[in-house]
Amino acid sequence: MDINDYQAKLGQSLRPVVVDLWAPWCGPCRQVKPVLEKLAKEYDGRVDFWPVNADENQDLLRKLGVFGIPTLVAYQDGKEVARYTGTKPARTYQALFEALANGAAPSPAGLTSADRFIRFGGGLLVIGIGVSFQTHWLMFVLGAALMFSAIYDRCPIWKALTGWVKQTIQRN
């Protein structure tokens, strides 16, 4: 499926659409497949589910700005409203399908507070170890990267930068 066929099919859909970009060799893809198939059956007639083999549709993935699989892209009224890369808990997928079926905006699948705390604390620990062993610059960079991973999804500069990169990729 090329990008034009994809967009035409998307434009003709009267229901919300969840697109699963997967590959047969991908372990995480196989892990979430049963959950997504169950939800597709449960929400049949209210949410359309399109599995798309990434190996057979490389150009489409490039145009959509997909860099990792599994990636789930959700659309309402032809507009992208959610994108999840990697595996997520079943409840996240359930919430996505439920929100789409009810016409609501899906909530982002962000990190939990515990995840944020562990990443931020781990970053501080790495920086502290670097100071102790006098490898400041390397450990500072690693610790800062770990700390940033705890808050990146809330950073307006990061959102602006990634938005610009996605737009640039989609234009090409």
N, C-alpha and C. Protein backbone atom coordinates (compact mmCIF):
# COMPACT_ATOMS: atom_id res chain seq x y z
N MET A 1 0.86 -1.17 0.00
CA MET A 1 0.00 0.00 0.00
C MET A 1 0.90 1.23 0.00
N ASP A 2 0.69 2.12 -0.95
CA ASP A 2 1.47 3.35 -0.95
C ASP A 2 0.73 4.43 -0.16
N ILE A 3 1.38 5.55 0.04
CA ILE A 3 0.82 6.61 0.87
C ILE A 3 -0.48 7.16 0.29
N ASN A 4 -0.59 7.22 -1.03
CA ASN A 4 -1.82 7.74 -1.65
C ASN A 4 -3.00 6.80 -1.40
N ASP A 5 -2.78 5.47 -1.56
CA ASP A 5 -3.83 4.49 -1.27
C ASP A 5 -4.23 4.55 0.20
N TYR A 6 -3.22 4.68 1.04
CA TYR A 6 -3.44 4.74 2.49
C TYR A 6 -4.32 5.94 2.84
N GLN A 7 -3.96 7.10 2.33
CA GLN A 7 -4.71 8.31 2.63
C GLN A 7 -6.11 8.28 2.03
N ALA A 8 -6.24 7.68 0.84
CA ALA A 8 -7.57 7.57 0.22
C ALA A 8 -8.47 6.65 1.05
N LYS A 9 -7.91 5.52 1.47
CA LYS A 9 -8.66 4.58 2.30
C LYS A 9 -9.04 5.23 3.63
N LEU A 10 -8.12 5.98 4.18
CA LEU A 10 -8.37 6.68 5.44
C LEU A 10 -9.46 7.73 5.27
N GLY A 11 -9.44 8.43 4.16
CA GLY A 11 -10.45 9.45 3.90
C GLY A 11 -11.85 8.88 3.69
N GLN A 12 -11.93 7.64 3.24
CA GLN A 12 -13.22 6.99 2.99
C GLN A 12 -13.79 6.33 4.24
N SER A 13 -12.97 6.16 5.26
CA SER A 13 -13.42 5.47 6.47
C SER A 13 -14.38 6.36 7.26
N LEU A 14 -15.51 5.78 7.63
CA LEU A 14 -16.52 6.52 8.40
C LEU A 14 -16.31 6.35 9.90
N ARG A 15 -15.45 5.43 10.27
CA ARG A 15 -15.19 5.15 11.69
C ARG A 15 -13.75 5.51 12.04
N PRO A 16 -13.46 5.61 13.33
CA PRO A 16 -12.06 5.78 13.73
C PRO A 16 -11.25 4.57 13.26
N VAL A 17 -9.96 4.78 13.03
CA VAL A 17 -9.10 3.73 12.51
C VAL A 17 -7.88 3.58 13.42
N VAL A 18 -7.53 2.32 13.70
CA VAL A 18 -6.29 2.00 14.40
C VAL A 18 -5.44 1.20 13.43
N VAL A 19 -4.26 1.72 13.12
CA VAL A 19 -3.34 1.06 12.19
C VAL A 19 -2.21 0.45 13.01
N ASP A 20 -2.01 -0.86 12.83
CA ASP A 20 -0.94 -1.58 13.51
C ASP A 20 0.16 -1.86 12.51
N LEU A 21 1.30 -1.20 12.68
CA LEU A 21 2.46 -1.41 11.82
C LEU A 21 3.36 -2.43 12.50
N TRP A 22 3.49 -3.60 11.90
CA TRP A 22 4.13 -4.75 12.53
C TRP A 22 4.99 -5.49 11.51
N ALA A 23 5.72 -6.49 11.97
CA ALA A 23 6.48 -7.38 11.08
C ALA A 23 6.44 -8.79 11.67
N PRO A 24 6.45 -9.81 10.83
CA PRO A 24 6.35 -11.18 11.32
C PRO A 24 7.53 -11.61 12.19
N TRP A 25 8.70 -11.05 11.99
CA TRP A 25 9.88 -11.42 12.75
C TRP A 25 10.00 -10.67 14.08
N CYS A 26 9.14 -9.69 14.31
CA CYS A 26 9.22 -8.80 15.48
C CYS A 26 8.58 -9.45 16.71
N GLY A 27 9.40 -9.75 17.71
CA GLY A 27 8.90 -10.36 18.94
C GLY A 27 7.86 -9.52 19.66
N PRO A 28 8.12 -8.22 19.90
CA PRO A 28 7.11 -7.39 20.54
C PRO A 28 5.81 -7.31 19.74
N CYS A 29 5.93 -7.34 18.40
CA CYS A 29 4.72 -7.32 17.56
C CYS A 29 3.87 -8.56 17.82
N ARG A 30 4.54 -9.70 17.90
CA ARG A 30 3.81 -10.95 18.17
C ARG A 30 3.22 -10.94 19.57
N GLN A 31 3.86 -10.24 20.49
CA GLN A 31 3.38 -10.16 21.86
C GLN A 31 2.06 -9.39 21.95
N VAL A 32 1.93 -8.30 21.21
CA VAL A 32 0.71 -7.48 21.30
C VAL A 32 -0.37 -7.91 20.32
N LYS A 33 -0.01 -8.75 19.35
CA LYS A 33 -0.97 -9.15 18.32
C LYS A 33 -2.26 -9.74 18.89
N PRO A 34 -2.19 -10.69 19.84
CA PRO A 34 -3.45 -11.26 20.37
C PRO A 34 -4.33 -10.21 21.06
N VAL A 35 -3.71 -9.27 21.75
CA VAL A 35 -4.47 -8.22 22.44
C VAL A 35 -5.19 -7.35 21.42
N LEU A 36 -4.47 -6.95 20.38
CA LEU A 36 -5.05 -6.08 19.36
C LEU A 36 -6.14 -6.80 18.55
N GLU A 37 -5.93 -8.08 18.26
CA GLU A 37 -6.95 -8.83 17.52
C GLU A 37 -8.22 -8.99 18.36
N LYS A 38 -8.05 -9.20 19.65
CA LYS A 38 -9.22 -9.32 20.54
C LYS A 38 -9.99 -7.99 20.58
N LEU A 39 -9.26 -6.89 20.70
CA LEU A 39 -9.91 -5.58 20.72
C LEU A 39 -10.57 -5.27 19.38
N ALA A 40 -9.93 -5.68 18.28
CA ALA A 40 -10.52 -5.44 16.96
C ALA A 40 -11.86 -6.16 16.84
N LYS A 41 -11.95 -7.36 17.37
CA LYS A 41 -13.22 -8.11 17.33
C LYS A 41 -14.24 -7.46 18.26
N GLU A 42 -13.79 -7.07 19.45
CA GLU A 42 -14.69 -6.47 20.44
C GLU A 42 -15.28 -5.15 19.95
N TYR A 43 -14.48 -4.36 19.23
CA TYR A 43 -14.93 -3.05 18.76
C TYR A 43 -15.29 -3.04 17.27
N ASP A 44 -15.47 -4.22 16.71
CA ASP A 44 -15.84 -4.34 15.29
C ASP A 44 -17.13 -3.54 15.03
N GLY A 45 -17.10 -2.75 13.99
CA GLY A 45 -18.26 -1.92 13.65
C GLY A 45 -18.21 -0.54 14.28
N ARG A 46 -17.32 -0.36 15.26
CA ARG A 46 -17.17 0.96 15.89
C ARG A 46 -15.79 1.56 15.65
N VAL A 47 -14.79 0.68 15.53
CA VAL A 47 -13.41 1.10 15.26
C VAL A 47 -12.84 0.15 14.21
N ASP A 48 -12.28 0.70 13.14
CA ASP A 48 -11.64 -0.13 12.12
C ASP A 48 -10.21 -0.42 12.53
N PHE A 49 -9.76 -1.65 12.30
CA PHE A 49 -8.40 -2.07 12.66
C PHE A 49 -7.69 -2.54 11.38
N TRP A 50 -6.56 -1.90 11.09
CA TRP A 50 -5.79 -2.24 9.89
C TRP A 50 -4.40 -2.70 10.28
N PRO A 51 -4.12 -3.99 10.23
CA PRO A 51 -2.73 -4.44 10.40
C PRO A 51 -1.97 -4.22 9.09
N VAL A 52 -0.79 -3.60 9.17
CA VAL A 52 0.02 -3.31 7.98
C VAL A 52 1.41 -3.91 8.21
N ASN A 53 1.79 -4.84 7.33
CA ASN A 53 3.10 -5.48 7.42
C ASN A 53 4.18 -4.46 7.03
N ALA A 54 5.06 -4.16 7.98
CA ALA A 54 6.10 -3.16 7.76
C ALA A 54 7.09 -3.59 6.69
N ASP A 55 7.38 -4.88 6.61
CA ASP A 55 8.33 -5.37 5.60
C ASP A 55 7.81 -5.16 4.18
N GLU A 56 6.52 -5.24 4.01
CA GLU A 56 5.92 -5.11 2.68
C GLU A 56 5.55 -3.66 2.33
N ASN A 57 5.70 -2.74 3.30
CA ASN A 57 5.26 -1.35 3.09
C ASN A 57 6.28 -0.35 3.62
N GLN A 58 7.53 -0.53 3.23
CA GLN A 58 8.63 0.32 3.73
C GLN A 58 8.42 1.80 3.39
N ASP A 59 7.96 2.09 2.18
CA ASP A 59 7.75 3.48 1.78
C ASP A 59 6.67 4.15 2.63
N LEU A 60 5.62 3.40 2.93
CA LEU A 60 4.55 3.94 3.77
C LEU A 60 5.08 4.29 5.15
N LEU A 61 5.89 3.39 5.74
CA LEU A 61 6.45 3.67 7.05
C LEU A 61 7.31 4.93 7.01
N ARG A 62 8.10 5.07 5.96
CA ARG A 62 8.96 6.25 5.83
C ARG A 62 8.12 7.52 5.75
N LYS A 63 7.06 7.49 4.95
CA LYS A 63 6.20 8.67 4.79
C LYS A 63 5.45 9.00 6.08
N LEU A 64 5.12 7.97 6.87
CA LEU A 64 4.41 8.20 8.13
C LEU A 64 5.36 8.56 9.27
N GLY A 65 6.65 8.50 9.02
CA GLY A 65 7.64 8.83 10.05
C GLY A 65 7.71 7.76 11.13
N VAL A 66 7.59 6.50 10.73
CA VAL A 66 7.65 5.39 11.69
C VAL A 66 9.08 4.86 11.70
N PHE A 67 9.71 4.88 12.88
CA PHE A 67 11.09 4.46 13.01
C PHE A 67 11.25 3.18 13.82
N GLY A 68 10.19 2.70 14.42
CA GLY A 68 10.26 1.48 15.21
C GLY A 68 8.93 0.76 15.17
N ILE A 69 9.00 -0.54 15.33
CA ILE A 69 7.76 -1.33 15.36
C ILE A 69 7.78 -2.15 16.64
N PRO A 70 6.64 -2.51 17.15
CA PRO A 70 5.32 -2.17 16.66
C PRO A 70 4.98 -0.70 16.90
N THR A 71 4.28 -0.13 15.95
CA THR A 71 3.74 1.23 16.09
C THR A 71 2.26 1.18 15.80
N LEU A 72 1.48 1.78 16.68
CA LEU A 72 0.04 1.89 16.50
C LEU A 72 -0.27 3.35 16.23
N VAL A 73 -0.99 3.63 15.15
CA VAL A 73 -1.39 5.00 14.83
C VAL A 73 -2.92 5.02 14.80
N ALA A 74 -3.51 5.93 15.57
CA ALA A 74 -4.97 6.03 15.65
C ALA A 74 -5.43 7.31 14.95
N TYR A 75 -6.53 7.18 14.21
CA TYR A 75 -7.08 8.30 13.46
C TYR A 75 -8.56 8.49 13.82
N GLN A 76 -8.96 9.75 13.92
CA GLN A 76 -10.36 10.13 14.03
C GLN A 76 -10.62 11.18 12.97
N ASP A 77 -11.65 10.99 12.17
CA ASP A 77 -11.98 11.92 11.10
C ASP A 77 -10.79 12.16 10.17
N GLY A 78 -9.99 11.11 9.94
CA GLY A 78 -8.85 11.21 9.03
C GLY A 78 -7.63 11.88 9.60
N LYS A 79 -7.68 12.31 10.86
CA LYS A 79 -6.54 12.99 11.49
C LYS A 79 -5.93 12.09 12.55
N GLU A 80 -4.60 12.09 12.60
CA GLU A 80 -3.91 11.29 13.61
C GLU A 80 -4.18 11.88 14.99
N VAL A 81 -4.62 11.02 15.92
CA VAL A 81 -4.91 11.49 17.27
C VAL A 81 -4.06 10.80 18.33
N ALA A 82 -3.40 9.69 17.96
CA ALA A 82 -2.54 9.00 18.91
C ALA A 82 -1.53 8.16 18.15
N ARG A 83 -0.36 7.98 18.76
CA ARG A 83 0.68 7.12 18.19
C ARG A 83 1.43 6.47 19.34
N TYR A 84 1.48 5.16 19.32
CA TYR A 84 2.20 4.40 20.34
C TYR A 84 3.26 3.55 19.66
N THR A 85 4.51 3.69 20.09
CA THR A 85 5.59 2.86 19.57
C THR A 85 6.07 1.94 20.68
N GLY A 86 6.29 0.69 20.33
CA GLY A 86 6.69 -0.31 21.31
C GLY A 86 5.47 -0.94 21.95
N THR A 87 5.72 -1.87 22.84
CA THR A 87 4.61 -2.54 23.52
C THR A 87 4.11 -1.68 24.66
N LYS A 88 2.84 -1.76 24.87
CA LYS A 88 2.17 -1.06 25.97
C LYS A 88 1.32 -2.08 26.72
N PRO A 89 0.93 -1.76 27.94
CA PRO A 89 0.04 -2.66 28.67
C PRO A 89 -1.31 -2.79 27.95
N ALA A 90 -1.95 -3.92 28.10
CA ALA A 90 -3.24 -4.18 27.45
C ALA A 90 -4.25 -3.10 27.79
N ARG A 91 -4.21 -2.57 29.01
CA ARG A 91 -5.17 -1.54 29.42
C ARG A 91 -4.99 -0.25 28.61
N THR A 92 -3.78 0.01 28.13
CA THR A 92 -3.54 1.19 27.30
C THR A 92 -4.23 1.03 25.95
N TYR A 93 -4.10 -0.15 25.36
CA TYR A 93 -4.77 -0.42 24.08
C TYR A 93 -6.29 -0.41 24.26
N GLN A 94 -6.76 -0.99 25.38
CA GLN A 94 -8.19 -1.00 25.67
C GLN A 94 -8.72 0.43 25.77
N ALA A 95 -7.99 1.28 26.48
CA ALA A 95 -8.40 2.68 26.64
C ALA A 95 -8.42 3.41 25.30
N LEU A 96 -7.47 3.09 24.42
CA LEU A 96 -7.43 3.70 23.10
C LEU A 96 -8.67 3.34 22.29
N PHE A 97 -8.97 2.04 22.21
CA PHE A 97 -10.14 1.60 21.45
C PHE A 97 -11.42 2.16 22.05
N GLU A 98 -11.52 2.18 23.37
CA GLU A 98 -12.72 2.68 24.04
C GLU A 98 -12.93 4.17 23.74
N ALA A 99 -11.85 4.94 23.84
CA ALA A 99 -11.97 6.38 23.57
C ALA A 99 -12.39 6.62 22.12
N LEU A 100 -11.77 5.91 21.19
CA LEU A 100 -12.11 6.08 19.78
C LEU A 100 -13.56 5.68 19.51
N ALA A 101 -14.00 4.59 20.10
CA ALA A 101 -15.37 4.11 19.89
C ALA A 101 -16.40 5.10 20.42
N ASN A 102 -16.03 5.83 21.47
CA ASN A 102 -16.95 6.81 22.07
C ASN A 102 -16.77 8.21 21.52
N GLY A 103 -15.89 8.38 20.53
CA GLY A 103 -15.68 9.68 19.93
C GLY A 103 -14.85 10.63 20.78
N ALA A 104 -14.21 10.10 21.80
CA ALA A 104 -13.39 10.93 22.69
C ALA A 104 -11.95 10.94 22.20
N ALA A 105 -11.20 11.91 22.65
CA ALA A 105 -9.77 11.97 22.32
C ALA A 105 -9.03 10.99 23.22
N PRO A 106 -8.20 10.14 22.64
CA PRO A 106 -7.43 9.20 23.46
C PRO A 106 -6.43 9.94 24.34
N SER A 107 -6.25 9.44 25.54
CA SER A 107 -5.25 10.05 26.42
C SER A 107 -3.88 9.50 26.06
N PRO A 108 -2.84 10.31 26.20
CA PRO A 108 -1.51 9.84 25.84
C PRO A 108 -1.05 8.72 26.77
N ALA A 109 -0.29 7.80 26.20
CA ALA A 109 0.24 6.68 26.98
C ALA A 109 1.62 7.06 27.49
N GLY A 110 1.66 7.90 28.48
CA GLY A 110 2.94 8.38 29.01
C GLY A 110 3.48 7.47 30.10
N LEU A 111 4.55 7.92 30.68
CA LEU A 111 5.17 7.18 31.77
C LEU A 111 4.35 7.33 33.04
N THR A 112 4.41 6.32 33.88
CA THR A 112 3.76 6.43 35.18
C THR A 112 4.64 7.29 36.08
N SER A 113 4.09 7.74 37.18
CA SER A 113 4.87 8.54 38.14
C SER A 113 6.05 7.73 38.68
N ALA A 114 5.83 6.44 38.91
CA ALA A 114 6.91 5.59 39.42
C ALA A 114 8.04 5.50 38.38
N ASP A 115 7.69 5.33 37.10
CA ASP A 115 8.70 5.28 36.05
C ASP A 115 9.51 6.57 36.01
N ARG A 116 8.81 7.69 36.10
CA ARG A 116 9.50 8.98 36.07
C ARG A 116 10.45 9.12 37.26
N PHE A 117 9.99 8.74 38.43
CA PHE A 117 10.81 8.83 39.64
C PHE A 117 12.06 7.95 39.52
N ILE A 118 11.89 6.72 39.04
CA ILE A 118 13.02 5.80 38.91
C ILE A 118 14.03 6.33 37.90
N ARG A 119 13.57 6.82 36.77
CA ARG A 119 14.50 7.36 35.76
C ARG A 119 15.23 8.59 36.27
N PHE A 120 14.49 9.50 36.89
CA PHE A 120 15.11 10.73 37.38
C PHE A 120 16.11 10.41 38.50
N GLY A 121 15.70 9.56 39.43
CA GLY A 121 16.59 9.17 40.52
C GLY A 121 17.81 8.41 40.01
N GLY A 122 17.61 7.55 39.02
CA GLY A 122 18.73 6.82 38.43
C GLY A 122 19.72 7.76 37.78
N GLY A 123 19.21 8.80 37.12
CA GLY A 123 20.09 9.80 36.51
C GLY A 123 20.92 10.52 37.55
N LEU A 124 20.28 10.90 38.65
CA LEU A 124 21.02 11.55 39.74
C LEU A 124 22.09 10.62 40.30
N LEU A 125 21.75 9.34 40.44
CA LEU A 125 22.70 8.35 40.95
C LEU A 125 23.91 8.23 40.01
N VAL A 126 23.68 8.16 38.72
CA VAL A 126 24.77 8.05 37.75
C VAL A 126 25.66 9.29 37.82
N ILE A 127 25.08 10.46 37.92
CA ILE A 127 25.88 11.69 38.05
C ILE A 127 26.70 11.64 39.34
N GLY A 128 26.08 11.19 40.43
CA GLY A 128 26.80 11.07 41.70
C GLY A 128 27.97 10.10 41.62
N ILE A 129 27.78 8.99 40.94
CA ILE A 129 28.87 8.02 40.76
C ILE A 129 29.99 8.64 39.94
N GLY A 130 29.60 9.40 38.91
CA GLY A 130 30.61 10.08 38.08
C GLY A 130 31.45 11.06 38.88
N VAL A 131 30.82 11.79 39.77
CA VAL A 131 31.55 12.73 40.61
C VAL A 131 32.49 11.96 41.55
N SER A 132 32.03 10.85 42.09
CA SER A 132 32.84 10.05 43.01
C SER A 132 34.07 9.47 42.34
N PHE A 133 33.94 9.01 41.11
CA PHE A 133 35.05 8.37 40.42
C PHE A 133 35.77 9.30 39.45
N GLN A 134 35.46 10.57 39.49
CA GLN A 134 36.10 11.61 38.70
C GLN A 134 36.03 11.36 37.18
N THR A 135 34.91 10.85 36.74
CA THR A 135 34.63 10.72 35.30
C THR A 135 33.43 11.62 35.02
N HIS A 136 33.57 12.86 35.43
CA HIS A 136 32.46 13.81 35.43
C HIS A 136 31.72 13.91 34.10
N TRP A 137 32.41 14.24 33.05
CA TRP A 137 31.72 14.57 31.80
C TRP A 137 30.93 13.39 31.23
N LEU A 138 31.52 12.19 31.23
CA LEU A 138 30.82 11.04 30.68
C LEU A 138 29.60 10.67 31.53
N MET A 139 29.80 10.60 32.81
CA MET A 139 28.71 10.22 33.71
C MET A 139 27.66 11.33 33.77
N PHE A 140 28.09 12.58 33.67
CA PHE A 140 27.12 13.67 33.66
C PHE A 140 26.21 13.56 32.43
N VAL A 141 26.79 13.29 31.27
CA VAL A 141 26.01 13.16 30.04
C VAL A 141 25.04 11.98 30.16
N LEU A 142 25.52 10.84 30.62
CA LEU A 142 24.65 9.67 30.77
C LEU A 142 23.54 9.92 31.80
N GLY A 143 23.91 10.52 32.92
CA GLY A 143 22.91 10.83 33.96
C GLY A 143 21.89 11.84 33.48
N ALA A 144 22.35 12.86 32.76
CA ALA A 144 21.43 13.87 32.24
C ALA A 144 20.48 13.25 31.22
N ALA A 145 20.98 12.36 30.37
CA ALA A 145 20.13 11.69 29.39
C ALA A 145 19.07 10.84 30.09
N LEU A 146 19.46 10.15 31.13
CA LEU A 146 18.51 9.34 31.90
C LEU A 146 17.46 10.21 32.58
N MET A 147 17.89 11.32 33.14
CA MET A 147 16.95 12.24 33.78
C MET A 147 16.00 12.84 32.75
N PHE A 148 16.53 13.21 31.57
CA PHE A 148 15.69 13.78 30.52
C PHE A 148 14.65 12.77 30.05
N SER A 149 15.01 11.48 30.04
CA SER A 149 14.05 10.45 29.61
C SER A 149 12.85 10.39 30.54
N ALA A 150 12.97 10.95 31.73
CA ALA A 150 11.85 10.95 32.68
C ALA A 150 10.86 12.08 32.39
N ILE A 151 11.31 13.11 31.67
CA ILE A 151 10.44 14.27 31.47
C ILE A 151 10.28 14.70 30.02
N TYR A 152 10.94 14.02 29.09
CA TYR A 152 10.96 14.49 27.70
C TYR A 152 9.57 14.71 27.11
N ASP A 153 8.61 13.85 27.47
CA ASP A 153 7.28 13.96 26.87
C ASP A 153 6.50 15.16 27.38
N ARG A 154 7.02 15.84 28.38
CA ARG A 154 6.39 17.05 28.90
C ARG A 154 7.16 18.32 28.54
N CYS A 155 8.25 18.16 27.82
CA CYS A 155 9.12 19.30 27.48
C CYS A 155 8.63 19.98 26.21
N PRO A 156 8.27 21.26 26.26
CA PRO A 156 7.77 21.95 25.07
C PRO A 156 8.81 22.10 23.96
N ILE A 157 10.07 22.23 24.32
CA ILE A 157 11.13 22.34 23.31
C ILE A 157 11.25 21.01 22.57
N TRP A 158 11.22 19.90 23.30
CA TRP A 158 11.30 18.58 22.69
C TRP A 158 10.10 18.34 21.77
N LYS A 159 8.92 18.73 22.21
CA LYS A 159 7.72 18.55 21.38
C LYS A 159 7.83 19.37 20.09
N ALA A 160 8.32 20.59 20.20
CA ALA A 160 8.46 21.43 19.01
C ALA A 160 9.49 20.83 18.06
N LEU A 161 10.61 20.37 18.59
CA LEU A 161 11.67 19.79 17.77
C LEU A 161 11.19 18.51 17.08
N THR A 162 10.55 17.61 17.81
CA THR A 162 10.08 16.37 17.19
C THR A 162 8.95 16.64 16.21
N GLY A 163 8.11 17.63 16.47
CA GLY A 163 7.07 18.01 15.52
C GLY A 163 7.66 18.51 14.22
N TRP A 164 8.70 19.32 14.33
CA TRP A 164 9.37 19.83 13.14
C TRP A 164 10.00 18.69 12.34
N VAL A 165 10.65 17.74 13.03
CA VAL A 165 11.29 16.60 12.35
C VAL A 165 10.22 15.76 11.64
N LYS A 166 9.10 15.50 12.29
CA LYS A 166 8.02 14.70 11.67
C LYS A 166 7.48 15.40 10.42
N GLN A 167 7.27 16.71 10.50
CA GLN A 167 6.77 17.46 9.34
C GLN A 167 7.77 17.41 8.19
N THR A 168 9.03 17.53 8.50
CA THR A 168 10.08 17.50 7.48
C THR A 168 10.11 16.13 6.81
N ILE A 169 10.01 15.08 7.58
CA ILE A 169 10.04 13.72 7.03
C ILE A 169 8.81 13.47 6.18
N GLN A 170 7.65 13.91 6.62
CA GLN A 170 6.41 13.67 5.87
C GLN A 170 6.39 14.44 4.56
N ARG A 171 7.08 15.56 4.48
CA ARG A 171 7.15 16.33 3.23
C ARG A 171 8.00 15.63 2.19
N ASN A 172 8.97 14.84 2.65
CA ASN A 172 9.90 14.18 1.71
C ASN A 172 9.39 12.89 1.23
